[in-house]
Protein backbone atom coordinates (compact mmCIF):
# COMPACT_ATOMS: atom_id res chain seq x y z
CA UNK A 1 -0.95 -19.49 4.12
CA UNK A 2 0.69 -18.17 7.26
CA UNK A 3 4.38 -18.84 7.77
CA UNK A 4 4.82 -21.93 10.00
CA UNK A 5 7.17 -19.96 12.27
CA UNK A 6 4.28 -17.87 13.57
CA UNK A 7 2.45 -19.24 16.58
CA UNK A 8 -0.96 -18.11 17.86
CA UNK A 9 0.61 -15.36 19.98
CA UNK A 10 2.50 -13.97 16.98
CA UNK A 11 -0.62 -13.99 14.81
CA UNK A 12 -2.59 -12.44 17.67
CA UNK A 13 -0.09 -9.61 17.92
CA UNK A 14 -0.21 -9.04 14.16
CA UNK A 15 -4.01 -9.16 14.09
CA UNK A 16 -4.32 -6.64 16.92
CA UNK A 17 -1.68 -4.25 15.58
CA UNK A 18 -3.21 -4.25 12.09
CA UNK A 19 -6.40 -2.88 13.56
CA UNK A 20 -4.80 -0.51 16.07
CA UNK A 21 -1.06 0.11 15.84
CA UNK A 22 -1.26 2.39 18.89
CA UNK A 23 -1.76 -0.52 21.27
CA UNK A 24 0.93 -0.62 23.92
CA UNK A 25 2.82 -3.78 24.83
CA UNK A 26 0.84 -3.80 28.08
CA UNK A 27 -2.48 -3.68 26.19
CA UNK A 28 -1.33 -6.39 23.77
CA UNK A 29 -0.30 -8.55 26.71
CA UNK A 30 -3.65 -8.08 28.44
CA UNK A 31 -5.60 -9.03 25.31
CA UNK A 32 -3.39 -12.06 24.62
CA UNK A 33 -3.01 -13.08 28.28
CA UNK A 34 0.77 -12.64 28.26
CA UNK A 35 3.15 -10.47 30.24
CA UNK A 36 4.78 -7.35 28.80
CA UNK A 37 8.33 -8.75 28.45
CA UNK A 38 7.55 -11.61 26.02
CA UNK A 39 5.16 -9.36 24.07
CA UNK A 40 7.90 -6.75 23.71
CA UNK A 41 10.37 -9.41 22.50
CA UNK A 42 7.88 -10.84 20.00
CA UNK A 43 6.96 -7.45 18.57
CA UNK A 44 10.67 -6.66 18.18
CA UNK A 45 11.24 -10.02 16.43
CA UNK A 46 8.23 -9.51 14.13
CA UNK A 47 9.67 -6.11 13.18
CA UNK A 48 13.22 -7.43 12.72
CA UNK A 49 12.01 -10.32 10.55
CA UNK A 50 9.96 -7.99 8.35
CA UNK A 51 6.47 -9.17 9.26
CA UNK A 52 5.75 -5.64 10.47
CA UNK A 53 7.01 -3.30 7.77
CA UNK A 54 5.94 0.00 9.36
CA UNK A 55 3.31 1.73 11.44
CA UNK A 56 1.02 4.32 9.87
CA UNK A 57 -2.09 6.39 10.41
CA UNK A 58 -4.70 5.82 7.72
CA UNK A 59 -6.11 9.17 6.61
CA UNK A 60 -9.42 10.01 5.00
CA UNK A 61 -8.40 11.22 1.51
CA UNK A 62 -11.51 13.41 1.19
CA UNK A 63 -10.65 15.36 4.34
CA UNK A 64 -7.16 16.18 3.05
CA UNK A 65 -8.21 17.22 -0.46
CA UNK A 66 -7.36 13.96 -2.21
CA UNK A 67 -10.87 12.59 -2.66
CA UNK A 68 -10.60 11.62 -6.33
CA UNK A 69 -9.07 8.14 -6.61
CA UNK A 70 -7.96 6.99 -10.06
CA UNK A 71 -6.54 3.65 -11.14
CA UNK A 72 -4.38 4.17 -14.20
CA UNK A 73 -2.94 1.38 -16.32
CA UNK A 74 0.23 2.29 -18.20
CA UNK A 75 1.65 0.47 -21.20
CA UNK A 76 5.23 1.28 -22.16
CA UNK A 77 6.52 1.48 -25.73
CA UNK A 78 9.61 -0.54 -24.84
CA UNK A 79 9.72 -3.56 -22.54
CA UNK A 80 13.44 -3.84 -22.01
CA UNK A 81 14.52 -4.01 -18.40
CA UNK A 82 16.08 -0.53 -18.48
CA UNK A 83 12.83 0.99 -19.81
CA UNK A 84 10.72 -0.69 -17.15
CA UNK A 85 13.11 0.31 -14.39
CA UNK A 86 13.45 3.89 -15.66
CA UNK A 87 9.67 4.38 -15.72
CA UNK A 88 9.26 2.84 -12.29
CA UNK A 89 12.07 4.93 -10.78
CA UNK A 90 10.40 8.13 -11.98
CA UNK A 91 6.73 7.35 -11.33
CA UNK A 92 7.33 6.47 -7.66
CA UNK A 93 8.65 10.01 -7.14
CA UNK A 94 5.24 11.51 -7.95
CA UNK A 95 3.39 12.40 -4.75
CA UNK A 96 0.01 11.80 -6.40
CA UNK A 97 0.92 8.15 -7.05
CA UNK A 98 0.03 6.21 -3.92
CA UNK A 99 0.74 2.72 -5.26
CA UNK A 100 2.63 1.39 -8.27
CA UNK A 101 2.54 -2.24 -9.38
CA UNK A 102 4.44 -3.87 -12.24
CA UNK A 103 1.81 -6.14 -13.80
CA UNK A 104 1.39 -8.97 -16.26
CA UNK A 105 -1.06 -8.62 -19.14
CA UNK A 106 -1.70 -5.92 -21.71
CA UNK A 107 -0.48 -3.10 -19.45
CA UNK A 108 2.85 -2.91 -17.69
CA UNK A 109 1.96 -0.88 -14.61
CA UNK A 110 -1.07 -0.18 -12.46
CA UNK A 111 -1.06 3.07 -10.51
CA UNK A 112 -3.37 4.17 -7.73
CA UNK A 113 -3.52 7.94 -7.83
CA UNK A 114 -5.10 10.21 -5.21
CA UNK A 115 -5.83 13.78 -6.29
CA UNK A 116 -8.26 16.61 -5.61
CA UNK A 117 -10.22 16.81 -8.86
CA UNK A 118 -10.29 16.27 -12.62
CA UNK A 119 -8.28 19.42 -13.33
CA UNK A 120 -5.46 18.11 -11.16
CA UNK A 121 -5.65 14.73 -12.89
CA UNK A 122 -5.43 16.41 -16.30
CA UNK A 123 -2.37 18.35 -15.14
CA UNK A 124 -0.79 15.14 -13.82
CA UNK A 125 -1.35 13.29 -17.10
CA UNK A 126 -0.27 16.13 -19.37
CA UNK A 127 2.73 17.39 -17.42
CA UNK A 128 4.03 14.46 -15.41
CA UNK A 129 2.86 11.00 -16.52
CA UNK A 130 2.93 11.41 -20.30
CA UNK A 131 6.51 12.69 -20.26
CA UNK A 132 7.93 9.75 -18.30
CA UNK A 133 10.32 7.36 -20.12
CA UNK A 134 8.71 5.23 -22.87
CA UNK A 135 5.08 5.89 -21.89
CA UNK A 136 2.82 4.52 -24.59
CA UNK A 137 -0.84 4.04 -23.80
CA UNK A 138 -2.67 4.89 -20.58
CA UNK A 139 -6.13 3.86 -19.48
CA UNK A 140 -7.77 5.36 -16.39
CA UNK A 141 -10.61 4.25 -14.14
CA UNK A 142 -12.19 6.75 -11.75
CA UNK A 143 -13.55 5.49 -8.43
CA UNK A 144 -17.21 6.46 -8.06
CA UNK A 145 -17.73 5.00 -4.58
CA UNK A 146 -15.89 2.78 -2.15
CA UNK A 147 -17.59 -0.36 -0.86
CA UNK A 148 -14.58 -1.81 0.96
CA UNK A 149 -11.10 -0.62 1.84
CA UNK A 150 -9.16 -2.92 4.15
CA UNK A 151 -5.59 -2.62 5.30
CA UNK A 152 -5.63 -5.68 7.59
CA UNK A 153 -4.88 -9.17 6.27
CA UNK A 154 -6.82 -12.21 7.45
CA UNK A 155 -4.45 -14.29 9.56
CA UNK A 156 -6.46 -17.48 10.07
CA UNK A 157 -8.79 -18.46 12.87
CA UNK A 158 -9.12 -16.17 15.86
């Protein structure tokens, strides 16, 4: 559910910027039938209020040598707060780890890892992941093909 504070212009700005963050305030205004000044103020407010966290270019991992995507579940030996926080603090420092989620269920963390090949994954597991604080069991799933990869959230009716 969308926050009640967002009106159709706000959601329009968010929808457009999710698909092309390079749009200028002038282009946003033209598409939303608004002038530049209120668009500029709204974008600034959406940034200040945290609706827009950052702007980024989405790269093709294959073209930059990171074509092997692995989802790795990690179960820790200890589940005390300090163990969970220590693992998390260290794993987020690894450049191969693109996402890290603290999860419910049998495993404590889910990692999305982007690497070049199986040799690099083996090196990551043996020399980086397995030596992190309280690592117990790991289970990995290798992506064979990608059917959908979205970065834009549905924001209601257009």
